[in-house]
C-alpha cells in the first residue's frame, strides 16, 4: 500500500514540475516575443522618421534628442545606434555608474585625411541635462567591422545579430 502511494506521489511531483516548467517557459517566451516586437516597432518608427525627413540626420542636436528620447522611454534598450558608410557613428547608450543611471551620447567621427577616429562622449543625467564631456582621439572602434553594422547594412528590412559581447560593457546582447 505504501509503495502505491509512493509511486503515485512521485508521479504527481513529476507532473507538477513539468507543469510549472511549462508555465515558466511560456511566460518567458511571451515576454521575449513582446520585447522583440516592441524593438522592431521602435526601429521602424526611427526608420520612418529619418526616411521621411521628419528628423534631419544632418542635424546633430535633433538626432541626439530623438535618440535620447527613445532610449529613455525604452528601459530594456541599452543602445540606439546609427552608423554611416564612411565610418561615422552616433549612439545613445544607457550606463549605470555608481548605482546611478546615465544616458550617453557617443559620436565617433572618422577623419579620412588623418586616418583617425575621434570619439566624443556626452553624459546626461536622468533629467537629460548635460553633465560631462570626454574626448578620445584615435579611438580604435571601427563600425565598418562591427557585426551590428554588417548585419544592418547587408539586410533589406530588419535583421538581428547573433548573441555577442558588447565591446563597451562586455555584456552579452543582440542588435
Protein backbone atom coordinates (compact mmCIF):
# COMPACT_ATOMS: atom_id res chain seq x y z
CA UNK A 1 0.00 0.00 0.00
CA UNK A 2 2.79 2.45 0.87
CA UNK A 3 4.58 1.60 -2.37
CA UNK A 4 1.49 2.55 -4.41
CA UNK A 5 1.24 5.90 -2.56
CA UNK A 6 4.96 6.50 -3.06
CA UNK A 7 4.74 5.82 -6.80
CA UNK A 8 1.59 7.95 -7.13
CA UNK A 9 3.09 10.89 -5.21
CA UNK A 10 6.36 10.63 -7.17
CA UNK A 11 4.40 10.79 -10.44
CA UNK A 12 2.33 13.71 -9.14
CA UNK A 13 5.51 15.65 -8.26
CA UNK A 14 6.89 14.92 -11.74
CA UNK A 15 3.67 16.23 -13.31
CA UNK A 16 3.72 19.37 -11.14
CA UNK A 17 7.36 20.10 -12.02
CA UNK A 18 6.55 19.64 -15.72
CA UNK A 19 3.53 21.97 -15.48
CA UNK A 20 5.49 24.62 -13.59
CA UNK A 21 8.34 24.45 -16.14
CA UNK A 22 5.83 24.77 -18.98
CA UNK A 23 4.23 27.81 -17.32
CA UNK A 24 7.62 29.49 -16.76
CA UNK A 25 8.77 28.75 -20.32
CA UNK A 26 5.53 30.08 -21.75
CA UNK A 27 5.79 33.30 -19.70
CA UNK A 28 9.44 33.88 -20.64
CA UNK A 29 8.73 33.17 -24.32
CA UNK A 30 5.84 35.61 -24.28
CA UNK A 31 7.98 38.36 -22.72
CA UNK A 32 10.78 37.79 -25.23
CA UNK A 33 8.34 37.94 -28.16
CA UNK A 34 6.87 41.18 -26.79
CA UNK A 35 10.37 42.65 -26.34
CA UNK A 36 11.33 41.82 -29.94
CA UNK A 37 8.03 43.16 -31.29
CA UNK A 38 8.46 46.41 -29.35
CA UNK A 39 12.05 46.74 -30.50
CA UNK A 40 11.07 46.18 -34.13
CA UNK A 41 8.30 48.80 -33.86
CA UNK A 42 10.78 51.29 -32.40
CA UNK A 43 13.25 50.57 -35.20
CA UNK A 44 10.56 51.03 -37.84
CA UNK A 45 9.47 54.30 -36.20
CA UNK A 46 13.06 55.61 -36.27
CA UNK A 47 13.41 54.46 -39.87
CA UNK A 48 10.23 56.32 -40.85
CA UNK A 49 11.34 59.48 -39.01
CA UNK A 50 14.63 59.51 -40.94
CA UNK A 51 13.29 58.25 -44.28
CA UNK A 52 10.50 60.85 -44.38
CA UNK A 53 12.86 63.64 -43.27
CA UNK A 54 10.86 64.29 -40.11
CA UNK A 55 14.19 64.08 -38.30
CA UNK A 56 17.13 65.54 -40.21
CA UNK A 57 20.11 63.18 -39.93
CA UNK A 58 22.46 66.07 -40.61
CA UNK A 59 21.13 67.99 -37.58
CA UNK A 60 23.27 66.83 -34.64
CA UNK A 61 21.01 68.28 -31.93
CA UNK A 62 17.85 66.80 -33.46
CA UNK A 63 19.48 63.35 -33.85
CA UNK A 64 20.70 63.35 -30.26
CA UNK A 65 17.32 64.45 -28.86
CA UNK A 66 15.40 61.72 -30.66
CA UNK A 67 17.93 59.02 -29.72
CA UNK A 68 17.91 60.08 -26.05
CA UNK A 69 14.12 60.20 -26.02
CA UNK A 70 13.78 56.69 -27.45
CA UNK A 71 16.45 55.35 -25.08
CA UNK A 72 14.92 57.00 -22.01
CA UNK A 73 11.44 55.67 -22.83
CA UNK A 74 12.54 52.11 -23.59
CA UNK A 75 14.09 50.77 -20.37
CA UNK A 76 15.03 47.44 -21.99
CA UNK A 77 17.28 49.19 -24.52
CA UNK A 78 20.95 49.65 -23.70
CA UNK A 79 21.88 51.27 -27.04
CA UNK A 80 20.39 53.03 -30.02
CA UNK A 81 22.96 53.45 -32.78
CA UNK A 82 23.34 54.72 -36.31
CA UNK A 83 26.40 54.24 -38.47
CA UNK A 84 27.32 55.91 -41.74
CA UNK A 85 29.13 54.05 -44.55
CA UNK A 86 32.19 56.33 -44.27
CA UNK A 87 32.73 55.26 -40.62
CA UNK A 88 30.97 57.96 -38.55
CA UNK A 89 28.80 56.73 -35.72
CA UNK A 90 26.12 58.14 -33.42
CA UNK A 91 24.96 56.19 -30.41
CA UNK A 92 22.83 56.75 -27.34
CA UNK A 93 23.88 54.42 -24.52
CA UNK A 94 22.35 53.60 -21.12
CA UNK A 95 25.05 53.30 -18.47
CA UNK A 96 24.99 52.51 -14.76
CA UNK A 97 27.70 54.40 -12.88
CA UNK A 98 27.92 54.24 -9.07
CA UNK A 99 24.31 52.99 -8.88
CA UNK A 100 23.09 55.99 -10.88
CA UNK A 101 21.80 55.70 -14.42
CA UNK A 102 23.22 57.95 -17.11
CA UNK A 103 22.38 58.30 -20.76
CA UNK A 104 25.36 58.95 -23.00
CA UNK A 105 25.57 60.33 -26.50
CA UNK A 106 28.59 58.93 -28.27
CA UNK A 107 29.78 60.45 -31.54
CA UNK A 108 32.62 58.84 -33.42
CA UNK A 109 33.90 60.86 -36.35
CA UNK A 110 36.29 59.46 -38.90
CA UNK A 111 38.90 61.85 -40.31
CA UNK A 112 39.91 60.32 -43.63
CA UNK A 113 42.86 62.68 -44.16
CA UNK A 114 44.41 61.87 -40.77
CA UNK A 115 43.17 58.26 -40.74
CA UNK A 116 41.98 58.76 -37.18
CA UNK A 117 38.76 58.47 -35.27
CA UNK A 118 37.67 60.95 -32.61
CA UNK A 119 35.18 59.80 -30.03
CA UNK A 120 33.14 62.33 -28.04
CA UNK A 121 31.05 61.14 -25.10
CA UNK A 122 28.46 63.45 -23.58
CA UNK A 123 26.98 62.06 -20.36
CA UNK A 124 23.46 63.10 -19.37
CA UNK A 125 21.78 62.66 -16.01
CA UNK A 126 18.24 61.27 -15.85
CA UNK A 127 16.71 64.72 -16.43
CA UNK A 128 18.77 64.91 -19.66
CA UNK A 129 20.89 67.87 -18.59
CA UNK A 130 24.41 67.53 -19.92
CA UNK A 131 26.84 66.84 -17.11
CA UNK A 132 30.13 65.72 -18.61
CA UNK A 133 32.08 65.67 -21.89
CA UNK A 134 35.03 63.41 -22.74
CA UNK A 135 37.01 63.34 -25.96
CA UNK A 136 39.17 60.41 -27.07
CA UNK A 137 41.35 60.74 -30.17
CA UNK A 138 42.45 57.73 -32.20
CA UNK A 139 39.71 55.55 -30.82
CA UNK A 140 40.15 52.08 -32.34
CA UNK A 141 36.44 51.26 -32.67
CA UNK A 142 35.50 50.90 -36.32
CA UNK A 143 31.81 50.48 -37.08
CA UNK A 144 32.54 49.03 -40.51
CA UNK A 145 33.99 45.94 -38.77
CA UNK A 146 31.19 45.55 -36.21
CA UNK A 147 28.69 42.71 -36.53
CA UNK A 148 25.70 45.01 -35.99
CA UNK A 149 26.80 47.28 -38.83
CA UNK A 150 27.45 44.41 -41.23
CA UNK A 151 24.05 42.84 -40.50
CA UNK A 152 22.26 46.19 -40.74
CA UNK A 153 23.90 47.33 -43.94
CA UNK A 154 23.61 43.93 -45.59
CA UNK A 155 19.94 43.37 -44.83
CA UNK A 156 16.87 44.78 -46.53
CA UNK A 157 14.40 45.22 -43.71
CA UNK A 158 15.00 44.02 -40.17
CA UNK A 159 17.93 41.82 -39.21
CA UNK A 160 19.36 40.55 -35.92
CA UNK A 161 22.89 39.70 -34.92
CA UNK A 162 23.67 36.52 -33.06
CA UNK A 163 24.32 36.98 -29.34
CA UNK A 164 27.78 38.50 -28.76
CA UNK A 165 29.63 40.51 -26.10
CA UNK A 166 29.19 44.27 -26.42
CA UNK A 167 32.56 45.97 -26.76
CA UNK A 168 31.82 48.61 -24.12
CA UNK A 169 30.05 46.69 -21.35
CA UNK A 170 31.35 43.17 -22.05
CA UNK A 171 27.73 42.02 -21.52
CA UNK A 172 26.02 39.62 -23.93
CA UNK A 173 23.43 41.14 -26.20
CA UNK A 174 21.98 41.29 -29.68
CA UNK A 175 21.46 44.08 -32.19
